[in-house]
């Protein structure tokens, strides 16, 4: 028995240290503790959103509803019936959706191969973004407008940045907005993910930088000068009118322990210790 053919043992979703620690924090009422832990053991549903500023966003939504959503109803995955995808009612224009399947289930089930491939293709082309529902909320609250100067301080891997770019381009009558986004992350390798996420949307209004957000230098701006004015005039104008950049919106989704990610990162059940969070305080 055992050996390669046996596969990996399923992770037991229990951690006594975790439960004791968070019961002491009293993050939920005592009579809700059991329901809270059961919720943490449920797989995280797959969620995605349609890029709203694309000219064919409404057509893409119609395609999803008429072809893929209808085909999902009635299927069974891992013994569980697949429910009709649910609209995230708080997301504008019916562009946010949730499926009662994990990303892993969608990837592994051959019955969902066409749906999975569609999501991959449309994600790579920038028409869809696969993003957790909770991650979609902060950009919505910022209410970014096309003229805003936006700083995303801890931007990688870039799901929220992509959403901010979408909001910056929300006025489709103005292909080149006056605003821009500076997307920063302190981790050089994660900045490559940030670039990959951002360039799907083909926006010229994004700057990616790699810096410690806690010590970002003050940035200065100079007004645009026409080529007819000449280089000397442009230099003189810049010297007298240069001013410090003031951002209209700042998003700081700072690094955390990841304790609340048990629904998708099931290794946390095995590896969690109080030190994970305490180490974040440096």
Protein backbone atom coordinates (compact mmCIF):
# COMPACT_ATOMS: atom_id res chain seq x y z
CA UNK A 1 0.00 0.00 0.00
CA UNK A 2 1.03 3.64 -0.39
CA UNK A 3 3.75 4.51 -2.88
CA UNK A 4 3.34 6.70 -5.93
CA UNK A 5 -0.03 5.27 -6.91
CA UNK A 6 -1.65 6.33 -3.65
CA UNK A 7 -1.42 10.06 -4.44
CA UNK A 8 -1.30 12.79 -1.84
CA UNK A 9 -3.23 12.57 1.42
CA UNK A 10 -6.00 15.13 1.71
CA UNK A 11 -5.15 17.96 4.07
CA UNK A 12 -7.18 17.91 7.27
CA UNK A 13 -8.71 21.34 7.71
CA UNK A 14 -7.99 21.70 11.40
CA UNK A 15 -5.42 23.66 13.37
CA UNK A 16 -5.86 23.90 17.12
CA UNK A 17 -3.32 26.71 17.46
CA UNK A 18 -5.20 28.77 14.88
CA UNK A 19 -8.54 28.26 16.62
CA UNK A 20 -7.15 29.04 20.09
CA UNK A 21 -5.40 32.18 18.86
CA UNK A 22 -8.38 33.66 17.06
CA UNK A 23 -10.85 32.73 19.78
CA UNK A 24 -8.69 34.84 22.09
CA UNK A 25 -8.94 37.74 19.60
CA UNK A 26 -12.77 37.47 19.77
CA UNK A 27 -13.08 38.32 16.08
CA UNK A 28 -16.59 36.81 15.98
CA UNK A 29 -19.18 36.28 18.75
CA UNK A 30 -18.84 32.96 20.58
CA UNK A 31 -22.15 31.67 19.29
CA UNK A 32 -20.98 32.22 15.70
CA UNK A 33 -17.62 30.50 16.07
CA UNK A 34 -18.77 27.14 14.70
CA UNK A 35 -20.32 28.75 11.62
CA UNK A 36 -17.18 30.85 11.14
CA UNK A 37 -14.93 27.77 11.09
CA UNK A 38 -17.27 25.91 8.74
CA UNK A 39 -17.13 28.85 6.35
CA UNK A 40 -13.31 28.72 6.40
CA UNK A 41 -13.44 25.04 5.38
CA UNK A 42 -15.57 25.73 2.31
CA UNK A 43 -13.65 26.06 -0.99
CA UNK A 44 -13.38 29.61 -2.31
CA UNK A 45 -15.74 30.11 -5.28
CA UNK A 46 -14.22 31.20 -8.58
CA UNK A 47 -14.99 34.82 -9.43
CA UNK A 48 -14.22 36.97 -12.43
CA UNK A 49 -15.16 40.30 -13.92
CA UNK A 50 -15.55 41.61 -17.46
CA UNK A 51 -13.39 44.56 -18.47
CA UNK A 52 -16.04 47.26 -18.68
CA UNK A 53 -14.38 49.84 -20.91
CA UNK A 54 -13.88 47.43 -23.84
CA UNK A 55 -16.29 48.18 -26.69
CA UNK A 56 -17.44 44.56 -26.82
CA UNK A 57 -18.00 44.11 -23.07
CA UNK A 58 -21.79 43.82 -23.44
CA UNK A 59 -21.42 41.31 -26.26
CA UNK A 60 -19.04 39.23 -24.14
CA UNK A 61 -21.60 39.22 -21.33
CA UNK A 62 -24.31 38.02 -23.71
CA UNK A 63 -22.02 35.24 -24.93
CA UNK A 64 -21.31 34.08 -21.38
CA UNK A 65 -24.99 34.03 -20.46
CA UNK A 66 -26.30 32.35 -23.62
CA UNK A 67 -23.55 29.78 -24.18
CA UNK A 68 -21.39 29.00 -21.18
CA UNK A 69 -23.64 29.75 -18.19
CA UNK A 70 -26.50 27.66 -19.60
CA UNK A 71 -24.15 24.73 -20.24
CA UNK A 72 -22.95 24.68 -16.62
CA UNK A 73 -26.40 24.13 -15.13
CA UNK A 74 -27.13 20.45 -14.52
CA UNK A 75 -23.50 19.32 -14.40
CA UNK A 76 -22.02 17.54 -11.40
CA UNK A 77 -18.43 18.06 -10.26
CA UNK A 78 -16.99 15.93 -7.45
CA UNK A 79 -20.50 14.76 -6.66
CA UNK A 80 -21.82 18.30 -6.22
CA UNK A 81 -24.33 19.93 -8.62
CA UNK A 82 -23.08 23.01 -10.42
CA UNK A 83 -25.34 25.97 -9.78
CA UNK A 84 -26.03 28.74 -12.27
CA UNK A 85 -23.33 31.44 -11.98
CA UNK A 86 -24.37 34.24 -9.66
CA UNK A 87 -24.03 37.91 -10.46
CA UNK A 88 -22.11 39.94 -7.87
CA UNK A 89 -24.93 42.41 -7.33
CA UNK A 90 -22.70 45.13 -5.94
CA UNK A 91 -20.45 45.11 -9.02
CA UNK A 92 -21.55 47.61 -11.73
CA UNK A 93 -23.24 46.70 -15.02
CA UNK A 94 -23.52 42.94 -14.34
CA UNK A 95 -19.79 42.61 -15.03
CA UNK A 96 -18.86 40.67 -11.85
CA UNK A 97 -19.71 36.94 -11.54
CA UNK A 98 -19.24 34.01 -9.17
CA UNK A 99 -19.34 30.26 -9.84
CA UNK A 100 -19.85 27.76 -7.00
CA UNK A 101 -16.67 25.93 -8.03
CA UNK A 102 -13.08 26.49 -7.04
CA UNK A 103 -10.53 27.46 -9.67
CA UNK A 104 -8.95 24.04 -9.15
CA UNK A 105 -12.24 22.25 -9.93
CA UNK A 106 -12.76 24.29 -13.10
CA UNK A 107 -9.21 23.51 -14.21
CA UNK A 108 -9.37 19.75 -13.56
CA UNK A 109 -12.90 18.79 -14.70
CA UNK A 110 -13.04 17.75 -18.38
CA UNK A 111 -16.74 18.73 -18.51
CA UNK A 112 -15.71 22.34 -17.94
CA UNK A 113 -12.82 22.38 -20.40
CA UNK A 114 -14.51 24.72 -22.91
CA UNK A 115 -15.48 27.18 -20.14
CA UNK A 116 -11.98 27.01 -18.67
CA UNK A 117 -10.31 27.65 -22.03
CA UNK A 118 -12.66 30.56 -22.70
CA UNK A 119 -11.70 32.18 -19.38
CA UNK A 120 -7.99 31.69 -20.09
CA UNK A 121 -8.20 33.14 -23.60
CA UNK A 122 -10.28 36.15 -22.62
CA UNK A 123 -8.08 36.78 -19.57
CA UNK A 124 -4.92 36.85 -21.68
CA UNK A 125 -6.54 39.27 -24.12
CA UNK A 126 -7.62 41.60 -21.30
CA UNK A 127 -11.36 41.09 -21.76
CA UNK A 128 -11.82 39.25 -18.46
CA UNK A 129 -9.94 39.31 -15.15
CA UNK A 130 -10.10 36.37 -12.78
CA UNK A 131 -10.06 38.05 -9.40
CA UNK A 132 -11.38 37.31 -5.91
CA UNK A 133 -14.57 39.15 -5.05
CA UNK A 134 -13.04 40.73 -1.94
CA UNK A 135 -10.19 42.08 -4.09
CA UNK A 136 -12.62 43.94 -6.34
CA UNK A 137 -14.00 46.09 -3.51
CA UNK A 138 -11.15 48.57 -2.72
CA UNK A 139 -10.82 49.90 -6.31
CA UNK A 140 -14.60 50.40 -6.46
CA UNK A 141 -14.52 52.43 -3.25
CA UNK A 142 -11.77 54.67 -4.66
CA UNK A 143 -14.08 55.77 -7.52
CA UNK A 144 -11.19 56.55 -9.84
CA UNK A 145 -12.01 59.01 -12.63
CA UNK A 146 -10.17 59.50 -15.95
CA UNK A 147 -8.35 62.65 -14.78
CA UNK A 148 -7.07 61.17 -11.52
CA UNK A 149 -3.42 60.60 -10.64
CA UNK A 150 -3.36 57.28 -8.78
CA UNK A 151 -0.69 55.55 -6.69
CA UNK A 152 -0.99 51.80 -6.06
CA UNK A 153 1.64 51.34 -3.35
CA UNK A 154 1.78 47.53 -2.99
CA UNK A 155 0.42 46.59 -6.38
CA UNK A 156 1.67 43.07 -7.23
CA UNK A 157 0.42 40.74 -8.55
CA UNK A 158 -1.77 43.39 -10.17
CA UNK A 159 -5.47 42.41 -10.08
CA UNK A 160 -6.45 45.66 -8.39
CA UNK A 161 -4.11 47.63 -10.65
CA UNK A 162 -5.85 46.20 -13.71
CA UNK A 163 -9.19 47.26 -12.22
CA UNK A 164 -7.86 50.77 -11.59
CA UNK A 165 -6.65 50.96 -15.21
CA UNK A 166 -10.13 49.95 -16.34
CA UNK A 167 -11.69 52.74 -14.28
CA UNK A 168 -9.18 55.25 -15.62
CA UNK A 169 -10.36 54.43 -19.16
CA UNK A 170 -14.06 54.36 -18.27
CA UNK A 171 -14.89 57.30 -20.58
CA UNK A 172 -14.73 55.51 -23.93
CA UNK A 173 -15.11 58.81 -25.80
CA UNK A 174 -11.63 59.79 -24.54
CA UNK A 175 -9.13 57.08 -25.57
CA UNK A 176 -6.25 58.82 -23.78
CA UNK A 177 -7.26 60.05 -20.31
CA UNK A 178 -5.44 62.87 -18.52
CA UNK A 179 -4.80 60.71 -15.46
CA UNK A 180 -2.33 57.90 -14.86
CA UNK A 181 -1.45 55.12 -12.44
CA UNK A 182 1.89 54.49 -10.76
CA UNK A 183 1.92 50.83 -9.73
CA UNK A 184 4.66 50.08 -7.23
CA UNK A 185 5.87 46.95 -5.46
CA UNK A 186 8.93 46.33 -3.30
CA UNK A 187 9.43 42.77 -4.61
CA UNK A 188 11.34 42.80 -7.89
CA UNK A 189 10.13 39.36 -9.02
CA UNK A 190 6.50 40.19 -8.31
CA UNK A 191 6.87 43.34 -10.40
CA UNK A 192 7.12 41.06 -13.45
CA UNK A 193 3.66 39.70 -12.58
CA UNK A 194 2.51 43.28 -12.24
CA UNK A 195 3.79 44.14 -15.72
CA UNK A 196 2.10 41.04 -17.18
CA UNK A 197 -1.24 41.94 -15.59
CA UNK A 198 -1.07 45.57 -16.66
CA UNK A 199 -0.03 45.13 -20.26
CA UNK A 200 -3.08 42.95 -20.99
CA UNK A 201 -5.09 46.19 -21.00
CA UNK A 202 -2.81 48.07 -23.45
CA UNK A 203 -2.92 51.32 -21.51
CA UNK A 204 -0.22 53.97 -22.05
CA UNK A 205 -1.17 55.54 -18.72
CA UNK A 206 0.65 53.11 -16.38
CA UNK A 207 4.09 53.29 -14.79
CA UNK A 208 5.43 50.24 -12.94
CA UNK A 209 8.17 50.84 -10.37
CA UNK A 210 10.07 48.72 -7.87
CA UNK A 211 10.60 50.55 -4.56
CA UNK A 212 9.90 50.33 -0.84
CA UNK A 213 6.50 52.03 -0.61
CA UNK A 214 7.37 53.35 2.84
CA UNK A 215 10.13 55.55 1.39
CA UNK A 216 8.88 56.49 -2.06
CA UNK A 217 10.60 59.72 -3.13
CA UNK A 218 8.62 62.85 -3.85
CA UNK A 219 7.94 63.07 -7.57
CA UNK A 220 7.90 66.23 -9.64
CA UNK A 221 5.89 67.04 -12.75
CA UNK A 222 6.54 69.45 -15.56
CA UNK A 223 3.84 70.72 -17.92
CA UNK A 224 3.77 69.53 -21.52
CA UNK A 225 5.43 71.93 -23.96
CA UNK A 226 4.81 71.99 -27.70
CA UNK A 227 7.65 71.08 -30.03
CA UNK A 228 7.30 74.49 -31.73
CA UNK A 229 8.44 76.24 -28.56
CA UNK A 230 11.93 74.84 -28.94
CA UNK A 231 14.22 72.99 -26.53
CA UNK A 232 15.55 76.08 -24.74
CA UNK A 233 12.07 77.44 -24.10
CA UNK A 234 10.90 74.04 -22.89
CA UNK A 235 13.85 73.81 -20.46
CA UNK A 236 13.20 77.29 -19.10
CA UNK A 237 9.49 76.60 -18.70
CA UNK A 238 10.16 73.32 -16.90
CA UNK A 239 12.59 74.97 -14.48
CA UNK A 240 10.08 77.62 -13.42
CA UNK A 241 6.87 75.57 -13.38
CA UNK A 242 8.00 72.21 -12.04
CA UNK A 243 5.79 71.15 -9.15
CA UNK A 244 5.46 68.21 -6.78
CA UNK A 245 3.04 65.49 -7.75
CA UNK A 246 -0.02 65.17 -5.53
CA UNK A 247 -2.07 62.01 -5.99
CA UNK A 248 -5.87 62.09 -6.19
CA UNK A 249 -6.17 58.47 -5.03
CA UNK A 250 -3.80 56.14 -3.15
CA UNK A 251 -4.35 52.40 -2.68
CA UNK A 252 -2.25 50.64 -0.03
CA UNK A 253 -3.03 46.92 0.06
CA UNK A 254 -0.12 46.18 2.36
CA UNK A 255 1.48 42.73 2.90
CA UNK A 256 -0.22 40.57 5.54
CA UNK A 257 0.09 37.17 7.15
CA UNK A 258 -2.49 35.58 4.86
CA UNK A 259 -4.33 33.97 7.78
CA UNK A 260 -7.67 34.59 6.11
CA UNK A 261 -6.70 32.77 2.90
CA UNK A 262 -7.32 29.24 4.18
CA UNK A 263 -10.13 28.71 1.67
CA UNK A 264 -7.72 28.90 -1.27
CA UNK A 265 -4.31 28.25 0.37
CA UNK A 266 -5.12 25.06 2.21
CA UNK A 267 -1.48 24.59 3.27
CA UNK A 268 -2.20 27.24 5.90
CA UNK A 269 -4.12 24.59 7.84
CA UNK A 270 -0.89 22.61 8.27
CA UNK A 271 1.67 25.38 8.56
CA UNK A 272 -0.02 28.18 10.49
CA UNK A 273 1.67 29.53 13.63
CA UNK A 274 1.22 32.86 15.46
CA UNK A 275 4.69 33.79 14.23
CA UNK A 276 3.46 34.18 10.66
CA UNK A 277 1.63 37.38 11.53
CA UNK A 278 4.06 38.62 14.17
CA UNK A 279 6.93 38.47 11.66
CA UNK A 280 5.14 41.05 9.52
CA UNK A 281 5.81 43.64 12.22
CA UNK A 282 9.57 43.39 11.61
